[in-house]
Amino acid sequence: ITKVELEDLFLEYGTIDNIYLKHISWGESFARITYSNNDAID
């Protein structure tokens, strides 16, 4: 998932909690997210 895609999810769902609930299978990926200036998030 790219940073742009993640930002789009925030715009669509509003909060990280809502994204988590709607995309629970992504839990492992979100657990590894760091709010840095990385261009992409694996």
N, C-alpha and C. Protein backbone atom coordinates (compact mmCIF):
# COMPACT_ATOMS: atom_id res chain seq x y z
N ILE A 1 0.87 -1.19 0.00
CA ILE A 1 0.00 0.00 0.00
C ILE A 1 0.90 1.23 0.00
N THR A 2 0.60 2.15 -0.88
CA THR A 2 1.41 3.36 -0.96
C THR A 2 0.90 4.40 0.02
N LYS A 3 1.73 5.42 0.25
CA LYS A 3 1.31 6.49 1.15
C LYS A 3 0.08 7.20 0.62
N VAL A 4 0.04 7.40 -0.70
CA VAL A 4 -1.13 8.04 -1.31
C VAL A 4 -2.38 7.21 -1.09
N GLU A 5 -2.27 5.91 -1.27
CA GLU A 5 -3.42 5.03 -1.05
C GLU A 5 -3.88 5.09 0.40
N LEU A 6 -2.91 5.13 1.32
CA LEU A 6 -3.26 5.22 2.73
C LEU A 6 -3.98 6.53 3.03
N GLU A 7 -3.48 7.62 2.45
CA GLU A 7 -4.13 8.91 2.64
C GLU A 7 -5.55 8.89 2.09
N ASP A 8 -5.75 8.20 0.94
CA ASP A 8 -7.09 8.06 0.38
C ASP A 8 -8.01 7.32 1.34
N LEU A 9 -7.48 6.30 2.01
CA LEU A 9 -8.28 5.56 2.98
C LEU A 9 -8.67 6.46 4.15
N PHE A 10 -7.73 7.28 4.61
CA PHE A 10 -8.07 8.22 5.69
C PHE A 10 -9.19 9.16 5.26
N LEU A 11 -9.11 9.64 4.02
CA LEU A 11 -10.15 10.52 3.52
C LEU A 11 -11.50 9.80 3.44
N GLU A 12 -11.46 8.54 3.03
CA GLU A 12 -12.70 7.79 2.85
C GLU A 12 -13.31 7.37 4.19
N TYR A 13 -12.47 6.91 5.10
CA TYR A 13 -12.98 6.32 6.34
C TYR A 13 -12.83 7.21 7.56
N GLY A 14 -12.01 8.25 7.45
CA GLY A 14 -11.96 9.25 8.50
C GLY A 14 -10.89 9.03 9.55
N THR A 15 -10.81 7.83 10.10
CA THR A 15 -9.84 7.58 11.16
C THR A 15 -9.18 6.22 10.99
N ILE A 16 -8.04 6.07 11.63
CA ILE A 16 -7.35 4.78 11.60
C ILE A 16 -8.23 3.68 12.19
N ASP A 17 -9.02 4.00 13.21
CA ASP A 17 -9.89 3.00 13.83
C ASP A 17 -10.91 2.48 12.83
N ASN A 18 -11.48 3.39 12.02
CA ASN A 18 -12.46 2.97 11.03
C ASN A 18 -11.83 2.12 9.95
N ILE A 19 -10.62 2.50 9.52
CA ILE A 19 -9.91 1.70 8.53
C ILE A 19 -9.66 0.30 9.10
N TYR A 20 -9.22 0.26 10.34
CA TYR A 20 -8.92 -1.01 11.00
C TYR A 20 -10.15 -1.92 11.02
N LEU A 21 -11.30 -1.34 11.35
CA LEU A 21 -12.52 -2.14 11.42
C LEU A 21 -12.95 -2.63 10.05
N LYS A 22 -12.77 -1.79 9.03
CA LYS A 22 -13.23 -2.15 7.70
C LYS A 22 -12.24 -3.05 6.97
N HIS A 23 -10.99 -3.00 7.39
CA HIS A 23 -9.94 -3.78 6.72
C HIS A 23 -9.13 -4.55 7.76
N ILE A 24 -9.82 -5.35 8.55
CA ILE A 24 -9.18 -6.03 9.66
C ILE A 24 -8.04 -6.94 9.20
N SER A 25 -8.13 -7.45 7.97
CA SER A 25 -7.07 -8.32 7.45
C SER A 25 -5.77 -7.55 7.24
N TRP A 26 -5.86 -6.21 7.23
CA TRP A 26 -4.66 -5.41 7.07
C TRP A 26 -3.97 -5.14 8.41
N GLY A 27 -4.48 -5.71 9.48
CA GLY A 27 -3.97 -5.42 10.81
C GLY A 27 -2.46 -5.54 10.91
N GLU A 28 -1.90 -6.59 10.32
CA GLU A 28 -0.46 -6.79 10.41
C GLU A 28 0.28 -5.65 9.71
N SER A 29 -0.23 -5.25 8.54
CA SER A 29 0.41 -4.15 7.82
C SER A 29 0.34 -2.85 8.61
N PHE A 30 -0.84 -2.56 9.18
CA PHE A 30 -0.98 -1.33 9.96
C PHE A 30 -0.09 -1.35 11.18
N ALA A 31 0.11 -2.54 11.75
CA ALA A 31 0.97 -2.63 12.93
C ALA A 31 2.40 -2.22 12.60
N ARG A 32 2.78 -2.34 11.31
CA ARG A 32 4.15 -2.02 10.90
C ARG A 32 4.28 -0.61 10.35
N ILE A 33 3.17 0.11 10.28
CA ILE A 33 3.22 1.47 9.72
C ILE A 33 3.97 2.39 10.67
N THR A 34 4.89 3.14 10.09
CA THR A 34 5.50 4.22 10.85
C THR A 34 5.18 5.51 10.14
N TYR A 35 4.86 6.54 10.90
CA TYR A 35 4.46 7.80 10.30
C TYR A 35 5.69 8.64 9.99
N SER A 36 6.43 8.14 9.02
CA SER A 36 7.65 8.80 8.59
C SER A 36 7.42 9.38 7.21
N ASN A 37 8.50 9.81 6.57
CA ASN A 37 8.40 10.37 5.23
C ASN A 37 8.69 9.33 4.16
N ASN A 38 8.55 8.06 4.50
CA ASN A 38 8.75 7.02 3.51
C ASN A 38 7.75 7.18 2.38
N ASP A 39 8.23 6.93 1.15
CA ASP A 39 7.35 7.09 0.00
C ASP A 39 6.32 5.98 -0.10
N ALA A 40 6.66 4.80 0.39
CA ALA A 40 5.75 3.67 0.29
C ALA A 40 5.80 2.86 1.57
N ILE A 41 4.70 2.17 1.83
CA ILE A 41 4.61 1.28 2.98
C ILE A 41 4.36 -0.12 2.46
N ASP A 42 5.19 -1.05 2.84
CA ASP A 42 5.03 -2.42 2.34
C ASP A 42 3.80 -3.08 2.97
